Amino acid sequence: MSAVVNTSAVEVAGASKIFNEGTANQVDALLDVNLTIAPGEFVSLIGPSGCGKSTLLRLIANLLEPTQGAISVNGKTSAQSRLDQDYGMAFQQAGLFDWRTVSKNIELPLELKGWDKKKRAARAAEMLELVKLEEFGNMYPWQLSGGMQQRVAIARALAAHPPLLLMDEPFGALDEMTREYMQGELLRICAETSTTVVFVTHSIPEAVYLSNRVVVMSPRPGRILEVIDVNLGSKRSELTRAADGFFRSITSVREALRGTHAEHVASTAIRGVEDR
């Protein structure tokens, strides 16, 4: 009987990223990042502005190449995973095409994969039902609210049923009520599709509410300082936001972030002394 091999959804091993290496404009964005994400897990990346959260997300997506280290997605190199379209991406701006209907926007990645017209239409209808926008398929993005556009963007990202969803502050531009609603919708969709999520955010409550684990990163060059487990159960609702465990987890993340702030102040002071 052969042994069962458990493949990580994402494996980041010793990844560093330097922009403009060897020039006067060199930027050390990430330093020796190690992170393993299990299939079906929801992991948020949080840290000071410019700490490399989005850079790490783009390394996982193979939109950038690491200067050092290696990254695998579902047991493949990140490059092969990109070619195989093993992930979907969603950003702060929905990025929909105004000249295509909602359904046609959702069908776009399926067109690129060569799906036939009937199969694309069926999948678009399925995804519209998933994000509860069944009656809006023939409308255009500019006719929808910001929250509805983000639901369409999520539907498009999930249309080919990728096992991994990469999200870069997708709710950052939404008002608070819409943002909380979209958080609940995202958790529902991910539970129904068993999707692994890597989620970038600046909001501590959002990271805690959504995640199984919150990864706290240092100021640039970004490193993982702490990984905080969030034990709020698999079923989360408005009651979760009032639970003691929710506030304890928020405090844990906040204290970790305060540590990064203190480190940043100290390192800035040291550099100031050295420059004198």
Protein backbone atom coordinates (compact mmCIF):
# COMPACT_ATOMS: atom_id res chain seq x y z
CA MET A 1 0.00 0.00 0.00
CA SER A 2 1.55 3.31 -1.06
CA ALA A 3 1.86 6.20 1.35
CA VAL A 4 -0.41 9.21 0.95
CA VAL A 5 1.49 12.33 -0.06
CA ASN A 6 0.05 15.55 1.33
CA THR A 7 0.83 18.39 -1.08
CA SER A 8 0.82 21.92 0.29
CA ALA A 9 -1.34 24.45 -1.52
CA VAL A 10 1.53 26.96 -1.30
CA GLU A 11 5.13 26.45 -0.23
CA VAL A 12 7.44 29.47 0.05
CA ALA A 13 11.02 28.44 0.90
CA GLY A 14 13.66 31.07 1.67
CA ALA A 15 12.17 33.59 -0.75
CA SER A 16 13.81 37.00 -1.07
CA LYS A 17 13.08 39.76 -3.55
CA ILE A 18 15.38 42.64 -4.46
CA PHE A 19 14.37 45.26 -7.01
CA ASN A 20 17.06 47.11 -9.02
CA GLU A 21 19.74 44.93 -7.49
CA GLY A 22 23.22 46.46 -7.52
CA THR A 23 22.05 49.96 -8.39
CA ALA A 24 21.66 53.14 -6.39
CA ASN A 25 17.91 52.51 -6.46
CA GLN A 26 18.10 49.01 -4.96
CA VAL A 27 15.07 48.06 -2.86
CA ASP A 28 15.22 45.01 -0.59
CA ALA A 29 11.53 44.10 -0.59
CA LEU A 30 11.50 40.63 1.00
CA LEU A 31 14.06 38.70 3.01
CA ASP A 32 14.12 34.92 3.60
CA VAL A 33 10.37 34.30 3.72
CA ASN A 34 9.24 30.79 4.63
CA LEU A 35 5.54 29.92 4.60
CA THR A 36 3.50 26.75 4.13
CA ILE A 37 -0.24 26.95 3.41
CA ALA A 38 -2.44 23.87 3.53
CA PRO A 39 -5.21 23.11 1.02
CA GLY A 40 -8.47 24.80 1.99
CA GLU A 41 -6.76 27.20 4.40
CA PHE A 42 -7.49 30.94 4.54
CA VAL A 43 -4.31 32.90 5.32
CA SER A 44 -4.08 36.69 5.55
CA LEU A 45 -0.91 38.75 5.15
CA ILE A 46 -0.75 41.92 7.23
CA GLY A 47 1.97 44.43 8.01
CA PRO A 48 3.07 48.05 7.62
CA SER A 49 2.68 49.74 4.26
CA GLY A 50 5.53 48.80 1.95
CA CYS A 51 6.43 45.64 3.86
CA GLY A 52 6.14 43.41 0.80
CA LYS A 53 2.69 41.82 1.25
CA SER A 54 1.66 42.41 -2.36
CA THR A 55 5.14 41.47 -3.57
CA LEU A 56 4.84 38.10 -1.80
CA LEU A 57 1.42 37.58 -3.39
CA ARG A 58 2.87 38.31 -6.83
CA LEU A 59 5.75 35.90 -6.23
CA ILE A 60 3.23 33.16 -5.45
CA ALA A 61 1.38 34.07 -8.66
CA ASN A 62 4.66 34.04 -10.63
CA LEU A 63 4.02 37.61 -11.74
CA LEU A 64 7.45 38.29 -10.21
CA GLU A 65 10.47 36.01 -9.86
CA PRO A 66 12.21 35.66 -6.48
CA THR A 67 15.80 36.86 -6.27
CA GLN A 68 16.49 33.87 -4.02
CA GLY A 69 14.48 30.91 -2.82
CA ALA A 70 11.74 28.79 -4.34
CA ILE A 71 7.94 28.81 -4.48
CA SER A 72 5.60 25.95 -5.33
CA VAL A 73 1.84 25.89 -5.79
CA ASN A 74 -0.03 22.59 -5.50
CA GLY A 75 3.20 20.66 -5.82
CA LYS A 76 4.33 22.48 -8.98
CA THR A 77 6.68 25.37 -9.58
CA SER A 78 4.86 28.69 -9.43
CA ALA A 79 5.66 29.18 -13.14
CA GLN A 80 4.02 25.89 -14.11
CA SER A 81 1.07 26.64 -11.87
CA ARG A 82 0.57 29.96 -13.65
CA LEU A 83 0.70 28.25 -17.05
CA ASP A 84 -1.82 25.68 -15.82
CA GLN A 85 -4.04 28.49 -14.44
CA ASP A 86 -4.14 26.88 -11.01
CA TYR A 87 -5.11 30.12 -9.30
CA GLY A 88 -7.44 33.07 -9.65
CA MET A 89 -6.67 36.65 -8.63
CA ALA A 90 -8.78 39.51 -7.31
CA PHE A 91 -7.57 43.05 -6.61
CA GLN A 92 -8.84 46.19 -4.87
CA GLN A 93 -10.29 47.38 -8.17
CA ALA A 94 -12.64 44.86 -9.74
CA GLY A 95 -10.94 45.29 -13.13
CA LEU A 96 -14.03 44.41 -15.15
CA PHE A 97 -14.41 45.34 -18.83
CA ASP A 98 -17.21 47.89 -19.21
CA TRP A 99 -17.97 46.83 -22.80
CA ARG A 100 -18.64 43.22 -21.78
CA THR A 101 -21.74 42.13 -19.90
CA VAL A 102 -21.38 40.66 -16.43
CA SER A 103 -21.71 37.14 -17.84
CA LYS A 104 -19.14 37.82 -20.55
CA ASN A 105 -16.71 39.19 -17.96
CA ILE A 106 -17.02 35.97 -15.99
CA GLU A 107 -16.56 33.92 -19.17
CA LEU A 108 -13.31 35.67 -20.12
CA PRO A 109 -10.85 33.25 -18.41
CA LEU A 110 -12.84 30.35 -19.83
CA GLU A 111 -12.51 31.80 -23.34
CA LEU A 112 -8.75 31.99 -22.81
CA LYS A 113 -8.78 28.32 -21.80
CA GLY A 114 -10.65 27.40 -24.99
CA TRP A 115 -14.00 26.39 -23.49
CA ASP A 116 -16.86 26.24 -26.00
CA LYS A 117 -19.64 28.84 -25.91
CA LYS A 118 -22.30 26.62 -24.34
CA LYS A 119 -20.02 25.39 -21.57
CA ARG A 120 -18.85 28.95 -20.83
CA ALA A 121 -22.42 30.22 -20.55
CA ALA A 122 -23.37 27.38 -18.22
CA ARG A 123 -20.40 28.04 -15.94
CA ALA A 124 -21.09 31.79 -15.90
CA ALA A 125 -24.67 31.10 -14.84
CA GLU A 126 -23.40 28.77 -12.11
CA MET A 127 -20.98 31.40 -10.83
CA LEU A 128 -23.61 34.14 -10.87
CA GLU A 129 -25.79 31.91 -8.70
CA LEU A 130 -22.85 31.32 -6.36
CA VAL A 131 -22.34 35.07 -5.81
CA LYS A 132 -26.12 35.70 -5.75
CA LEU A 133 -26.24 37.87 -8.86
CA GLU A 134 -28.32 35.59 -11.10
CA GLU A 135 -30.48 38.40 -12.47
CA PHE A 136 -27.57 40.66 -13.43
CA GLY A 137 -25.84 38.56 -16.10
CA ASN A 138 -26.95 40.73 -19.02
CA MET A 139 -26.11 44.03 -17.33
CA TYR A 140 -22.81 45.91 -17.65
CA PRO A 141 -20.33 46.56 -14.82
CA TRP A 142 -21.00 50.31 -14.78
CA GLN A 143 -24.61 49.54 -13.91
CA LEU A 144 -23.61 47.74 -10.69
CA SER A 145 -22.58 48.96 -7.24
CA GLY A 146 -18.98 48.60 -6.07
CA GLY A 147 -19.81 45.60 -3.90
CA MET A 148 -21.63 43.88 -6.76
CA GLN A 149 -18.68 44.52 -9.08
CA GLN A 150 -16.37 42.86 -6.57
CA ARG A 151 -18.66 39.84 -6.43
CA VAL A 152 -18.43 39.62 -10.22
CA ALA A 153 -14.63 39.86 -9.99
CA ILE A 154 -14.60 37.00 -7.46
CA ALA A 155 -16.90 34.97 -9.69
CA ARG A 156 -14.54 35.54 -12.62
CA ALA A 157 -11.52 34.55 -10.53
CA LEU A 158 -13.27 31.32 -9.50
CA ALA A 159 -14.89 30.55 -12.86
CA ALA A 160 -12.38 27.86 -13.81
CA HIS A 161 -12.58 26.43 -10.27
CA PRO A 162 -8.92 27.09 -9.41
CA PRO A 163 -7.81 25.50 -6.14
CA LEU A 164 -6.14 28.76 -5.06
CA LEU A 165 -7.45 32.33 -4.85
CA LEU A 166 -5.00 35.23 -4.41
CA MET A 167 -6.60 38.48 -3.20
CA ASP A 168 -4.92 41.87 -2.82
CA GLU A 169 -7.08 44.15 -0.65
CA PRO A 170 -10.22 43.33 -2.65
CA PHE A 171 -12.56 45.14 -0.24
CA GLY A 172 -10.36 48.14 0.56
CA ALA A 173 -12.42 50.62 -1.47
CA LEU A 174 -15.80 49.55 -0.07
CA ASP A 175 -17.78 51.20 2.72
CA GLU A 176 -17.78 49.39 6.07
CA MET A 177 -21.22 47.77 5.78
CA THR A 178 -20.58 46.52 2.24
CA ARG A 179 -17.13 45.33 3.28
CA GLU A 180 -18.51 43.23 6.15
CA TYR A 181 -21.16 41.79 3.85
CA MET A 182 -18.52 40.87 1.25
CA GLN A 183 -16.39 39.22 3.93
CA GLY A 184 -19.31 36.95 4.78
CA GLU A 185 -19.93 36.23 1.11
CA LEU A 186 -16.28 35.36 0.54
CA LEU A 187 -16.27 32.89 3.43
CA ARG A 188 -19.47 31.30 2.12
CA ILE A 189 -18.09 30.96 -1.40
CA CYS A 190 -14.78 29.53 -0.23
CA ALA A 191 -16.55 27.00 2.01
CA GLU A 192 -18.71 25.87 -0.90
CA THR A 193 -15.76 25.57 -3.29
CA SER A 194 -13.03 24.37 -0.84
CA THR A 195 -10.76 27.09 -2.19
CA THR A 196 -7.44 27.99 -0.56
CA VAL A 197 -7.07 31.77 -0.10
CA VAL A 198 -4.08 34.05 0.40
CA PHE A 199 -5.46 37.47 1.32
CA VAL A 200 -3.62 40.80 1.66
CA THR A 201 -5.20 43.41 3.94
CA HIS A 202 -4.36 46.39 6.17
CA SER A 203 -7.40 45.75 8.40
CA ILE A 204 -6.78 43.74 11.58
CA PRO A 205 -10.49 42.91 12.18
CA GLU A 206 -10.84 41.80 8.56
CA ALA A 207 -7.78 39.55 8.78
CA VAL A 208 -8.99 37.98 12.02
CA TYR A 209 -12.59 37.50 10.87
CA LEU A 210 -11.63 35.78 7.63
CA SER A 211 -8.56 33.76 8.48
CA ASN A 212 -7.39 30.47 9.90
CA ARG A 213 -3.99 32.13 10.33
CA VAL A 214 -2.72 35.70 10.17
CA VAL A 215 0.86 36.24 8.97
CA VAL A 216 2.41 39.38 10.48
CA MET A 217 5.22 40.89 8.41
CA SER A 218 7.99 43.29 9.35
CA PRO A 219 8.80 46.65 7.76
CA ARG A 220 10.92 46.43 4.60
CA PRO A 221 12.70 44.21 3.95
CA GLY A 222 9.62 42.15 4.68
CA ARG A 223 10.06 39.10 6.88
CA ILE A 224 7.52 36.93 8.67
CA LEU A 225 7.73 37.88 12.32
CA GLU A 226 4.80 35.92 13.66
CA VAL A 227 2.03 33.61 12.46
CA ILE A 228 -1.07 33.84 14.64
CA ASP A 229 -3.63 31.04 14.71
CA VAL A 230 -7.25 32.24 14.75
CA ASN A 231 -9.51 29.74 16.48
CA LEU A 232 -13.02 31.04 15.76
CA GLY A 233 -14.45 27.88 14.19
CA SER A 234 -15.45 27.26 10.59
CA LYS A 235 -18.88 28.94 10.84
CA ARG A 236 -18.51 32.69 11.25
CA SER A 237 -21.26 35.27 11.47
CA GLU A 238 -22.05 38.64 13.02
CA LEU A 239 -21.98 36.88 16.40
CA THR A 240 -18.32 36.09 15.72
CA ARG A 241 -17.52 39.81 15.70
CA ALA A 242 -18.84 40.09 19.27
CA ALA A 243 -17.05 36.99 20.60
CA ASP A 244 -14.26 37.22 23.19
CA GLY A 245 -12.02 35.08 20.97
CA PHE A 246 -12.40 37.59 18.14
CA PHE A 247 -11.15 40.44 20.32
CA ARG A 248 -8.35 38.33 21.77
CA SER A 249 -7.11 37.52 18.27
CA ILE A 250 -7.32 41.19 17.26
CA THR A 251 -5.22 42.06 20.30
CA SER A 252 -2.64 39.39 19.41
CA VAL A 253 -2.28 40.72 15.85
CA ARG A 254 -2.17 44.32 17.04
CA GLU A 255 0.56 43.56 19.57
CA ALA A 256 2.59 41.78 16.87
CA LEU A 257 2.19 44.78 14.60
CA ARG A 258 3.21 47.13 17.40
CA GLY A 259 6.37 45.08 17.64
CA THR A 260 7.05 45.75 13.96
CA HIS A 261 6.46 49.47 14.55
CA ALA A 262 8.91 49.51 17.47
CA GLU A 263 11.46 47.65 15.34
CA HIS A 264 11.01 50.15 12.51
CA VAL A 265 11.47 53.14 14.87
CA ALA A 266 14.60 51.55 16.37
CA SER A 267 16.14 50.70 13.00
CA THR A 268 15.40 54.21 11.71
CA ALA A 269 17.10 55.70 14.76
CA ILE A 270 20.16 53.48 14.28
CA ARG A 271 20.43 54.47 10.62
CA GLY A 272 20.19 58.12 11.63
CA VAL A 273 23.09 57.75 14.06
CA GLU A 274 25.17 55.88 11.47
CA ASP A 275 24.56 58.58 8.88
CA ARG A 276 25.85 61.35 11.12
